Amino acid sequence: MRHWLSALCLAGLATAASAQTITVETARGEVTLPAQPQSVITLDMAVLDVIDSIGGTVAGIPAQTVSTYLSKYAETATPVGSPFEPDVEKIAALQPDLIIVAGRSAPKFDELSGIATVIDLTPDTTNVMPSIRRNAATLGAIYGKQEEAAAKVAALDEALAKVKAAASGRGTALTLLTTGARMSTHGDKGRFGLIYNEFGFPPAIEGVKPGNHGQPISFEFIRETNPDWIFVVDRDAAIGRDGQPAAQMLDNPMVAATTAAQKGQIVYLNPVDWYLIAAGITSVGNAAAQVAGALGE
């Protein structure tokens, strides 16, 4: 009888232990970690965006949370350095149960693993929606907010479908990144591929070299490409650096001669949403709403 009771108790303990862990998808494969950690630190603004969307809490955040809807966390969470240079001492002092890195902070994975469990939620910026769905499901499971995460993703999918329907037959697009009086373009396999892959605009030119920095271009290139739409991300505005504003830079006779300019179809995208956050539920929803507005929806 005593052996039977002991076996039953051990089985109960094993069941309780398994109930206290979850297995989630990350950029580095499946990871098993404690369920509903009490203290979470994220070094990525897109991850913070998703946590905010589903109603989660965080103990530590990137020092720079410039977006208006994320800046509120500066009052409730501890700034723990930049994504590139996290403050390891501050992070350790918070005694986190979980640290989340992604994108710019992903190279710090091994260094931070000495403090607590670390997961990497780096998105595929060339095809961002599958990454957003994965990250929402992962964070929903971590916080016990699976229903909230699923509802937010469903609403975002609906918003993207509406933009895609509105963009159908409305012509080609060229996406520009401006910084330091220079310009580059990013194609359907680039970091702003959302314009083409989810919003449905055909690229004005094929074969653009992929990569974070894109393909350097000139005003002559823009004129020769002659897109129906030009979408612009001003990097200097995103990071708060003094520089020639994108609208001023593109106030050029060659740009003015394009179909996009003549039809009033040059759209200056929200630089924080597109450059600093990019793969968040709210940031992509904001992007969809802005482009829908430009399309007259």
C-alpha atoms as a PDB file:
ATOM      1  CA  MET A   1       0.000   0.000   0.000  1.00  0.00           C
ATOM      2  CA  ARG A   2       2.808   2.368   0.975  1.00  0.00           C
ATOM      3  CA  HIS A   3       4.617   1.732  -2.346  1.00  0.00           C
ATOM      4  CA  TRP A   4       1.388   2.323  -4.262  1.00  0.00           C
ATOM      5  CA  LEU A   5       0.807   5.634  -2.481  1.00  0.00           C
ATOM      6  CA  SER A   6       4.395   6.686  -3.112  1.00  0.00           C
ATOM      7  CA  ALA A   7       4.033   5.930  -6.818  1.00  0.00           C
ATOM      8  CA  LEU A   8       0.789   7.902  -6.936  1.00  0.00           C
ATOM      9  CA  CYS A   9       2.396  10.888  -5.253  1.00  0.00           C
ATOM     10  CA  LEU A  10       5.345  10.801  -7.654  1.00  0.00           C
ATOM     11  CA  ALA A  11       2.978  10.652 -10.624  1.00  0.00           C
ATOM     12  CA  GLY A  12       1.089  13.630  -9.213  1.00  0.00           C
ATOM     13  CA  LEU A  13       4.308  15.577  -8.807  1.00  0.00           C
ATOM     14  CA  ALA A  14       5.334  14.763 -12.388  1.00  0.00           C
ATOM     15  CA  THR A  15       1.949  15.943 -13.687  1.00  0.00           C
ATOM     16  CA  ALA A  16       2.226  19.162 -11.682  1.00  0.00           C
ATOM     17  CA  ALA A  17       5.751  19.743 -12.970  1.00  0.00           C
ATOM     18  CA  SER A  18       4.713  19.221 -16.581  1.00  0.00           C
ATOM     19  CA  ALA A  19       1.754  21.573 -16.086  1.00  0.00           C
ATOM     20  CA  GLN A  20       4.213  24.252 -14.963  1.00  0.00           C
ATOM     21  CA  THR A  21       6.207  24.202 -18.200  1.00  0.00           C
ATOM     22  CA  ILE A  22       5.300  24.981 -21.786  1.00  0.00           C
ATOM     23  CA  THR A  23       6.981  24.354 -25.112  1.00  0.00           C
ATOM     24  CA  VAL A  24       7.004  27.298 -27.496  1.00  0.00           C
ATOM     25  CA  GLU A  25       8.279  28.102 -30.983  1.00  0.00           C
ATOM     26  CA  THR A  26      11.166  30.555 -31.269  1.00  0.00           C
ATOM     27  CA  ALA A  27      13.540  31.702 -33.982  1.00  0.00           C
ATOM     28  CA  ARG A  28      15.931  29.002 -32.754  1.00  0.00           C
ATOM     29  CA  GLY A  29      13.395  26.186 -32.667  1.00  0.00           C
ATOM     30  CA  GLU A  30      11.244  24.782 -29.881  1.00  0.00           C
ATOM     31  CA  VAL A  31      12.075  25.740 -26.298  1.00  0.00           C
ATOM     32  CA  THR A  32      10.596  24.410 -23.052  1.00  0.00           C
ATOM     33  CA  LEU A  33      10.339  26.968 -20.256  1.00  0.00           C
ATOM     34  CA  PRO A  34       8.329  27.690 -17.098  1.00  0.00           C
ATOM     35  CA  ALA A  35       4.724  28.729 -17.741  1.00  0.00           C
ATOM     36  CA  GLN A  36       3.600  32.259 -16.883  1.00  0.00           C
ATOM     37  CA  PRO A  37       6.934  33.653 -15.631  1.00  0.00           C
ATOM     38  CA  GLN A  38       6.551  36.384 -13.023  1.00  0.00           C
ATOM     39  CA  SER A  39       9.340  38.669 -14.260  1.00  0.00           C
ATOM     40  CA  VAL A  40       9.934  39.145 -17.995  1.00  0.00           C
ATOM     41  CA  ILE A  41      12.481  41.380 -19.699  1.00  0.00           C
ATOM     42  CA  THR A  42      12.402  42.163 -23.396  1.00  0.00           C
ATOM     43  CA  LEU A  43      15.110  43.949 -25.352  1.00  0.00           C
ATOM     44  CA  ASP A  44      13.008  44.260 -28.496  1.00  0.00           C
ATOM     45  CA  MET A  45      10.316  46.822 -29.242  1.00  0.00           C
ATOM     46  CA  ALA A  46       8.330  44.563 -31.575  1.00  0.00           C
ATOM     47  CA  VAL A  47       8.137  41.952 -28.816  1.00  0.00           C
ATOM     48  CA  LEU A  48       7.029  44.687 -26.393  1.00  0.00           C
ATOM     49  CA  ASP A  49       4.375  45.674 -28.951  1.00  0.00           C
ATOM     50  CA  VAL A  50       2.976  42.119 -29.010  1.00  0.00           C
ATOM     51  CA  ILE A  51       3.084  41.810 -25.212  1.00  0.00           C
ATOM     52  CA  ASP A  52       1.229  45.112 -24.982  1.00  0.00           C
ATOM     53  CA  SER A  53      -1.345  43.927 -27.536  1.00  0.00           C
ATOM     54  CA  ILE A  54      -2.251  40.817 -25.541  1.00  0.00           C
ATOM     55  CA  GLY A  55      -2.183  42.479 -22.124  1.00  0.00           C
ATOM     56  CA  GLY A  56       1.060  41.093 -20.710  1.00  0.00           C
ATOM     57  CA  THR A  57       3.423  42.795 -18.271  1.00  0.00           C
ATOM     58  CA  VAL A  58       7.178  43.377 -18.353  1.00  0.00           C
ATOM     59  CA  ALA A  59       9.783  44.190 -15.726  1.00  0.00           C
ATOM     60  CA  GLY A  60      12.464  45.514 -18.091  1.00  0.00           C
ATOM     61  CA  ILE A  61      12.400  47.203 -21.481  1.00  0.00           C
ATOM     62  CA  PRO A  62      14.750  48.792 -24.017  1.00  0.00           C
ATOM     63  CA  ALA A  63      15.817  52.251 -22.892  1.00  0.00           C
ATOM     64  CA  GLN A  64      14.467  53.770 -26.106  1.00  0.00           C
ATOM     65  CA  THR A  65      10.692  53.340 -26.373  1.00  0.00           C
ATOM     66  CA  VAL A  66       9.954  56.336 -28.567  1.00  0.00           C
ATOM     67  CA  SER A  67       6.658  55.157 -30.004  1.00  0.00           C
ATOM     68  CA  THR A  68       3.747  56.908 -28.337  1.00  0.00           C
ATOM     69  CA  TYR A  69       1.866  53.733 -27.538  1.00  0.00           C
ATOM     70  CA  LEU A  70       4.895  52.021 -25.965  1.00  0.00           C
ATOM     71  CA  SER A  71       6.425  54.974 -24.128  1.00  0.00           C
ATOM     72  CA  LYS A  72       4.000  54.342 -21.222  1.00  0.00           C
ATOM     73  CA  TYR A  73       6.216  51.420 -20.179  1.00  0.00           C
ATOM     74  CA  ALA A  74       8.920  53.872 -19.158  1.00  0.00           C
ATOM     75  CA  GLU A  75       6.761  54.533 -16.069  1.00  0.00           C
ATOM     76  CA  THR A  76       6.097  50.897 -15.142  1.00  0.00           C
ATOM     77  CA  ALA A  77       9.229  49.003 -16.215  1.00  0.00           C
ATOM     78  CA  THR A  78      12.973  49.466 -15.760  1.00  0.00           C
ATOM     79  CA  PRO A  79      15.017  50.595 -18.782  1.00  0.00           C
ATOM     80  CA  VAL A  80      17.791  48.006 -19.200  1.00  0.00           C
ATOM     81  CA  GLY A  81      19.980  49.494 -21.916  1.00  0.00           C
ATOM     82  CA  SER A  82      19.726  49.422 -25.663  1.00  0.00           C
ATOM     83  CA  PRO A  83      19.097  46.339 -27.823  1.00  0.00           C
ATOM     84  CA  PHE A  84      22.708  46.561 -28.985  1.00  0.00           C
ATOM     85  CA  GLU A  85      24.172  47.189 -25.524  1.00  0.00           C
ATOM     86  CA  PRO A  86      21.966  45.783 -22.743  1.00  0.00           C
ATOM     87  CA  ASP A  87      22.830  46.762 -19.167  1.00  0.00           C
ATOM     88  CA  VAL A  88      23.704  43.314 -17.811  1.00  0.00           C
ATOM     89  CA  GLU A  89      23.960  44.492 -14.202  1.00  0.00           C
ATOM     90  CA  LYS A  90      20.486  46.068 -14.265  1.00  0.00           C
ATOM     91  CA  ILE A  91      19.035  42.972 -15.895  1.00  0.00           C
ATOM     92  CA  ALA A  92      20.589  40.683 -13.285  1.00  0.00           C
ATOM     93  CA  ALA A  93      19.349  42.926 -10.457  1.00  0.00           C
ATOM     94  CA  LEU A  94      15.762  42.455 -11.667  1.00  0.00           C
ATOM     95  CA  GLN A  95      16.119  38.672 -11.196  1.00  0.00           C
ATOM     96  CA  PRO A  96      14.074  37.863 -14.313  1.00  0.00           C
ATOM     97  CA  ASP A  97      12.467  34.500 -14.974  1.00  0.00           C
ATOM     98  CA  LEU A  98      12.647  35.097 -18.734  1.00  0.00           C
ATOM     99  CA  ILE A  99      14.601  37.364 -21.084  1.00  0.00           C
ATOM    100  CA  ILE A 100      13.414  37.870 -24.661  1.00  0.00           C
ATOM    101  CA  VAL A 101      15.744  39.004 -27.435  1.00  0.00           C
ATOM    102  CA  ALA A 102      15.041  39.564 -31.125  1.00  0.00           C
ATOM    103  CA  GLY A 103      16.562  41.278 -34.115  1.00  0.00           C
ATOM    104  CA  ARG A 104      19.063  43.875 -32.932  1.00  0.00           C
ATOM    105  CA  SER A 105      19.450  42.233 -29.502  1.00  0.00           C
ATOM    106  CA  ALA A 106      19.691  38.615 -30.724  1.00  0.00           C
ATOM    107  CA  PRO A 107      23.539  38.612 -30.742  1.00  0.00           C
ATOM    108  CA  LYS A 108      23.381  39.029 -26.928  1.00  0.00           C
ATOM    109  CA  PHE A 109      21.586  35.665 -26.503  1.00  0.00           C
ATOM    110  CA  ASP A 110      24.560  33.740 -25.089  1.00  0.00           C
ATOM    111  CA  GLU A 111      25.726  36.548 -22.816  1.00  0.00           C
ATOM    112  CA  LEU A 112      22.286  36.934 -21.233  1.00  0.00           C
ATOM    113  CA  SER A 113      21.769  33.174 -20.882  1.00  0.00           C
ATOM    114  CA  GLY A 114      23.977  33.291 -17.810  1.00  0.00           C
ATOM    115  CA  ILE A 115      21.318  35.351 -16.017  1.00  0.00           C
ATOM    116  CA  ALA A 116      18.053  33.573 -16.875  1.00  0.00           C
ATOM    117  CA  THR A 117      16.255  31.585 -19.560  1.00  0.00           C
ATOM    118  CA  VAL A 118      16.507  33.464 -22.885  1.00  0.00           C
ATOM    119  CA  ILE A 119      14.363  33.030 -25.981  1.00  0.00           C
ATOM    120  CA  ASP A 120      14.928  34.566 -29.406  1.00  0.00           C
ATOM    121  CA  LEU A 121      11.864  35.888 -31.260  1.00  0.00           C
ATOM    122  CA  THR A 122      13.698  37.440 -34.214  1.00  0.00           C
ATOM    123  CA  PRO A 123      11.233  37.884 -37.095  1.00  0.00           C
ATOM    124  CA  ASP A 124      11.821  37.199 -40.748  1.00  0.00           C
ATOM    125  CA  THR A 125      11.551  40.816 -41.886  1.00  0.00           C
ATOM    126  CA  THR A 126      11.287  39.739 -45.535  1.00  0.00           C
ATOM    127  CA  ASN A 127       8.070  37.825 -44.771  1.00  0.00           C
ATOM    128  CA  VAL A 128       6.909  39.296 -41.513  1.00  0.00           C
ATOM    129  CA  MET A 129       3.388  37.975 -40.949  1.00  0.00           C
ATOM    130  CA  PRO A 130       4.360  34.326 -40.294  1.00  0.00           C
ATOM    131  CA  SER A 131       6.792  35.624 -37.663  1.00  0.00           C
ATOM    132  CA  ILE A 132       4.128  37.812 -36.073  1.00  0.00           C
ATOM    133  CA  ARG A 133       1.762  34.840 -35.897  1.00  0.00           C
ATOM    134  CA  ARG A 134       4.495  32.699 -34.316  1.00  0.00           C
ATOM    135  CA  ASN A 135       5.481  35.360 -31.803  1.00  0.00           C
ATOM    136  CA  ALA A 136       1.867  36.079 -30.864  1.00  0.00           C
ATOM    137  CA  ALA A 137       1.221  32.361 -30.271  1.00  0.00           C
ATOM    138  CA  THR A 138       4.439  32.018 -28.259  1.00  0.00           C
ATOM    139  CA  LEU A 139       3.800  35.069 -26.088  1.00  0.00           C
ATOM    140  CA  GLY A 140       0.153  34.107 -25.700  1.00  0.00           C
ATOM    141  CA  ALA A 141       1.248  30.739 -24.335  1.00  0.00           C
ATOM    142  CA  ILE A 142       3.864  32.305 -22.045  1.00  0.00           C
ATOM    143  CA  TYR A 143       1.361  34.736 -20.522  1.00  0.00           C
ATOM    144  CA  GLY A 144      -1.614  32.388 -20.574  1.00  0.00           C
ATOM    145  CA  LYS A 145      -3.360  34.705 -23.035  1.00  0.00           C
ATOM    146  CA  GLN A 146      -3.799  32.434 -26.035  1.00  0.00           C
ATOM    147  CA  GLU A 147      -7.317  33.673 -26.823  1.00  0.00           C
ATOM    148  CA  GLU A 148      -6.266  37.315 -26.727  1.00  0.00           C
ATOM    149  CA  ALA A 149      -3.313  36.597 -29.017  1.00  0.00           C
ATOM    150  CA  ALA A 150      -5.451  34.677 -31.519  1.00  0.00           C
ATOM    151  CA  ALA A 151      -8.055  37.454 -31.598  1.00  0.00           C
ATOM    152  CA  LYS A 152      -5.446  40.151 -32.208  1.00  0.00           C
ATOM    153  CA  VAL A 153      -3.838  38.199 -35.055  1.00  0.00           C
ATOM    154  CA  ALA A 154      -7.243  37.504 -36.644  1.00  0.00           C
ATOM    155  CA  ALA A 155      -8.080  41.224 -36.560  1.00  0.00           C
ATOM    156  CA  LEU A 156      -4.713  42.076 -38.102  1.00  0.00           C
ATOM    157  CA  ASP A 157      -5.193  39.488 -40.863  1.00  0.00           C
ATOM    158  CA  GLU A 158      -8.576  41.054 -41.630  1.00  0.00           C
ATOM    159  CA  ALA A 159      -7.056  44.546 -41.829  1.00  0.00           C
ATOM    160  CA  LEU A 160      -4.319  43.330 -44.177  1.00  0.00           C
ATOM    161  CA  ALA A 161      -6.852  41.583 -46.414  1.00  0.00           C
ATOM    162  CA  LYS A 162      -8.793  44.846 -46.761  1.00  0.00           C
ATOM    163  CA  VAL A 163      -5.654  46.740 -47.777  1.00  0.00           C
ATOM    164  CA  LYS A 164      -4.750  44.050 -50.290  1.00  0.00           C
ATOM    165  CA  ALA A 165      -8.198  44.223 -51.853  1.00  0.00           C
ATOM    166  CA  ALA A 166      -8.006  48.020 -52.051  1.00  0.00           C
ATOM    167  CA  ALA A 167      -4.507  47.927 -53.590  1.00  0.00           C
ATOM    168  CA  SER A 168      -5.509  45.473 -56.312  1.00  0.00           C
ATOM    169  CA  GLY A 169      -5.175  47.104 -59.717  1.00  0.00           C
ATOM    170  CA  ARG A 170      -3.855  50.371 -58.267  1.00  0.00           C
ATOM    171  CA  GLY A 171      -0.408  50.100 -59.821  1.00  0.00           C
ATOM    172  CA  THR A 172       3.187  49.393 -58.874  1.00  0.00           C
ATOM    173  CA  ALA A 173       5.118  50.495 -55.814  1.00  0.00           C
ATOM    174  CA  LEU A 174       8.670  51.479 -54.964  1.00  0.00           C
ATOM    175  CA  THR A 175       9.804  51.498 -51.330  1.00  0.00           C
ATOM    176  CA  LEU A 176      12.543  53.902 -50.238  1.00  0.00           C
ATOM    177  CA  LEU A 177      14.626  54.262 -47.088  1.00  0.00           C
ATOM    178  CA  THR A 178      16.258  57.674 -46.648  1.00  0.00           C
ATOM    179  CA  THR A 179      19.107  58.427 -44.260  1.00  0.00           C
ATOM    180  CA  GLY A 180      21.907  60.970 -44.185  1.00  0.00           C
ATOM    181  CA  ALA A 181      20.934  62.466 -47.577  1.00  0.00           C
ATOM    182  CA  ARG A 182      21.169  58.999 -49.144  1.00  0.00           C
ATOM    183  CA  MET A 183      18.480  56.661 -50.465  1.00  0.00           C
ATOM    184  CA  SER A 184      18.060  52.932 -50.933  1.00  0.00           C
ATOM    185  CA  THR A 185      15.232  50.792 -52.227  1.00  0.00           C
ATOM    186  CA  HIS A 186      13.933  47.539 -50.754  1.00  0.00           C
ATOM    187  CA  GLY A 187      12.116  44.955 -52.856  1.00  0.00           C
ATOM    188  CA  ASP A 188       9.703  42.150 -52.088  1.00  0.00           C
ATOM    189  CA  LYS A 189      12.518  40.160 -50.441  1.00  0.00           C
ATOM    190  CA  GLY A 190      13.703  43.141 -48.397  1.00  0.00           C
ATOM    191  CA  ARG A 191      12.953  44.417 -44.912  1.00  0.00           C
ATOM    192  CA  PHE A 192       9.874  46.344 -46.060  1.00  0.00           C
ATOM    193  CA  GLY A 193       8.455  43.434 -48.028  1.00  0.00           C
ATOM    194  CA  LEU A 194       5.118  43.956 -46.263  1.00  0.00           C
ATOM    195  CA  ILE A 195       4.234  46.476 -48.976  1.00  0.00           C
ATOM    196  CA  TYR A 196       4.404  43.762 -51.619  1.00  0.00           C
ATOM    197  CA  ASN A 197       3.792  40.483 -49.799  1.00  0.00           C
ATOM    198  CA  GLU A 198       0.872  41.522 -47.580  1.00  0.00           C
ATOM    199  CA  PHE A 199      -0.465  44.787 -48.999  1.00  0.00           C
ATOM    200  CA  GLY A 200      -0.324  43.356 -52.504  1.00  0.00           C
ATOM    201  CA  PHE A 201       1.392  46.116 -54.502  1.00  0.00           C
ATOM    202  CA  PRO A 202       3.397  44.747 -57.446  1.00  0.00           C
ATOM    203  CA  PRO A 203       7.036  45.887 -57.204  1.00  0.00           C
ATOM    204  CA  ALA A 204       7.959  48.606 -59.683  1.00  0.00           C
ATOM    205  CA  ILE A 205      11.241  46.811 -60.334  1.00  0.00           C
ATOM    206  CA  GLU A 206      12.266  43.177 -59.928  1.00  0.00           C
ATOM    207  CA  GLY A 207      15.538  41.799 -58.646  1.00  0.00           C
ATOM    208  CA  VAL A 208      16.279  44.394 -55.975  1.00  0.00           C
ATOM    209  CA  LYS A 209      19.258  43.219 -53.925  1.00  0.00           C
ATOM    210  CA  PRO A 210      17.947  41.970 -50.541  1.00  0.00           C
ATOM    211  CA  GLY A 211      19.469  42.979 -47.234  1.00  0.00           C
ATOM    212  CA  ASN A 212      18.940  45.359 -44.331  1.00  0.00           C
ATOM    213  CA  HIS A 213      20.570  48.242 -46.158  1.00  0.00           C
ATOM    214  CA  GLY A 214      18.820  47.663 -49.467  1.00  0.00           C
ATOM    215  CA  GLN A 215      20.069  48.781 -52.862  1.00  0.00           C
ATOM    216  CA  PRO A 216      21.463  52.344 -53.132  1.00  0.00           C
ATOM    217  CA  ILE A 217      19.624  54.389 -55.742  1.00  0.00           C
ATOM    218  CA  SER A 218      19.576  57.830 -57.350  1.00  0.00           C
ATOM    219  CA  PHE A 219      16.890  60.272 -58.445  1.00  0.00           C
ATOM    220  CA  GLU A 220      17.513  59.078 -62.005  1.00  0.00           C
ATOM    221  CA  PHE A 221      16.666  55.551 -60.901  1.00  0.00           C
ATOM    222  CA  ILE A 222      13.354  56.711 -59.435  1.00  0.00           C
ATOM    223  CA  ARG A 223      12.469  58.586 -62.628  1.00  0.00           C
ATOM    224  CA  GLU A 224      13.360  55.661 -64.873  1.00  0.00           C
ATOM    225  CA  THR A 225      11.488  53.182 -62.684  1.00  0.00           C
ATOM    226  CA  ASN A 226       8.455  55.514 -62.668  1.00  0.00           C
ATOM    227  CA  PRO A 227       6.368  53.776 -59.975  1.00  0.00           C
ATOM    228  CA  ASP A 228       2.668  54.467 -59.443  1.00  0.00           C
ATOM    229  CA  TRP A 229       3.276  54.623 -55.688  1.00  0.00           C
ATOM    230  CA  ILE A 230       6.326  55.565 -53.632  1.00  0.00           C
ATOM    231  CA  PHE A 231       6.445  54.529 -49.971  1.00  0.00           C
ATOM    232  CA  VAL A 232       9.109  56.281 -47.910  1.00  0.00           C
ATOM    233  CA  VAL A 233      10.680  55.439 -44.542  1.00  0.00           C
ATOM    234  CA  ASP A 234      12.777  58.256 -43.040  1.00  0.00           C
ATOM    235  CA  ARG A 235      15.418  56.508 -40.902  1.00  0.00           C
ATOM    236  CA  ASP A 236      16.792  59.753 -39.437  1.00  0.00           C
ATOM    237  CA  ALA A 237      13.323  60.662 -38.170  1.00  0.00           C
ATOM    238  CA  ALA A 238      12.911  57.162 -36.706  1.00  0.00           C
ATOM    239  CA  ILE A 239      16.078  57.312 -34.611  1.00  0.00           C
ATOM    240  CA  GLY A 240      15.824  60.995 -33.742  1.00  0.00           C
ATOM    241  CA  ARG A 241      18.907  62.028 -35.679  1.00  0.00           C
ATOM    242  CA  ASP A 242      19.232  65.415 -37.341  1.00  0.00           C
ATOM    243  CA  GLY A 243      19.226  65.095 -41.097  1.00  0.00           C
ATOM    244  CA  GLN A 244      17.535  66.241 -44.245  1.00  0.00           C
ATOM    245  CA  PRO A 245      13.853  65.265 -43.983  1.00  0.00           C
ATOM    246  CA  ALA A 246      12.757  62.705 -46.548  1.00  0.00           C
ATOM    247  CA  ALA A 247      10.088  65.007 -48.004  1.00  0.00           C
ATOM    248  CA  GLN A 248      12.701  67.701 -48.562  1.00  0.00           C
ATOM    249  CA  MET A 249      15.109  65.217 -50.129  1.00  0.00           C
ATOM    250  CA  LEU A 250      12.468  63.992 -52.579  1.00  0.00           C
ATOM    251  CA  ASP A 251      11.476  67.526 -53.584  1.00  0.00           C
ATOM    252  CA  ASN A 252      13.315  66.984 -56.860  1.00  0.00           C
ATOM    253  CA  PRO A 253      12.356  67.473 -60.527  1.00  0.00           C
ATOM    254  CA  MET A 254      13.011  63.839 -61.399  1.00  0.00           C
ATOM    255  CA  VAL A 255      10.819  62.572 -58.588  1.00  0.00           C
ATOM    256  CA  ALA A 256       8.178  65.165 -59.501  1.00  0.00           C
ATOM    257  CA  ALA A 257       8.034  63.709 -63.022  1.00  0.00           C
ATOM    258  CA  THR A 258       6.959  60.257 -61.777  1.00  0.00           C
ATOM    259  CA  THR A 259       3.407  58.971 -61.908  1.00  0.00           C
ATOM    260  CA  ALA A 260       3.482  58.640 -58.122  1.00  0.00           C
ATOM    261  CA  ALA A 261       4.246  62.322 -57.632  1.00  0.00           C
ATOM    262  CA  GLN A 262       1.833  63.529 -60.278  1.00  0.00           C
ATOM    263  CA  LYS A 263      -1.017  61.525 -58.744  1.00  0.00           C
ATOM    264  CA  GLY A 264      -0.142  62.542 -55.182  1.00  0.00           C
ATOM    265  CA  GLN A 265       0.823  58.963 -54.345  1.00  0.00           C
ATOM    266  CA  ILE A 266       4.027  59.455 -52.391  1.00  0.00           C
ATOM    267  CA  VAL A 267       3.355  58.161 -48.882  1.00  0.00           C
ATOM    268  CA  TYR A 268       5.656  59.000 -45.972  1.00  0.00           C
ATOM    269  CA  LEU A 269       5.249  56.001 -43.693  1.00  0.00           C
ATOM    270  CA  ASN A 270       5.394  56.268 -39.917  1.00  0.00           C
ATOM    271  CA  PRO A 271       9.168  55.850 -39.423  1.00  0.00           C
ATOM    272  CA  VAL A 272       9.024  54.451 -35.877  1.00  0.00           C
ATOM    273  CA  ASP A 273       6.456  51.798 -36.765  1.00  0.00           C
ATOM    274  CA  TRP A 274       8.360  50.741 -39.878  1.00  0.00           C
ATOM    275  CA  TYR A 275      12.007  51.083 -38.846  1.00  0.00           C
ATOM    276  CA  LEU A 276      12.192  50.589 -35.074  1.00  0.00           C
ATOM    277  CA  ILE A 277       9.279  48.241 -34.400  1.00  0.00           C
ATOM    278  CA  ALA A 278       8.238  46.694 -37.732  1.00  0.00           C
ATOM    279  CA  ALA A 279       7.086  43.239 -36.575  1.00  0.00           C
ATOM    280  CA  GLY A 280       4.508  44.189 -33.946  1.00  0.00           C
ATOM    281  CA  ILE A 281       0.772  43.641 -34.012  1.00  0.00           C
ATOM    282  CA  THR A 282      -0.039  47.306 -33.355  1.00  0.00           C
ATOM    283  CA  SER A 283       2.751  48.658 -35.574  1.00  0.00           C
ATOM    284  CA  VAL A 284       1.637  46.581 -38.572  1.00  0.00           C
ATOM    285  CA  GLY A 285      -1.986  47.457 -37.844  1.00  0.00           C
ATOM    286  CA  ASN A 286      -1.013  51.142 -37.857  1.00  0.00           C
ATOM    287  CA  ALA A 287       0.815  50.616 -41.140  1.00  0.00           C
ATOM    288  CA  ALA A 288      -2.237  48.954 -42.683  1.00  0.00           C
ATOM    289  CA  ALA A 289      -4.458  51.814 -41.547  1.00  0.00           C
ATOM    290  CA  GLN A 290      -2.088  54.432 -42.997  1.00  0.00           C
ATOM    291  CA  VAL A 291      -1.837  52.713 -46.368  1.00  0.00           C
ATOM    292  CA  ALA A 292      -5.600  52.096 -46.428  1.00  0.00           C
ATOM    293  CA  GLY A 293      -6.068  55.824 -45.866  1.00  0.00           C
ATOM    294  CA  ALA A 294      -3.714  56.638 -48.738  1.00  0.00           C
ATOM    295  CA  LEU A 295      -5.795  54.345 -50.928  1.00  0.00           C
ATOM    296  CA  GLY A 296      -8.933  56.215 -49.947  1.00  0.00           C
ATOM    297  CA  GLU A 297     -10.338  53.478 -47.712  1.00  0.00           C
END
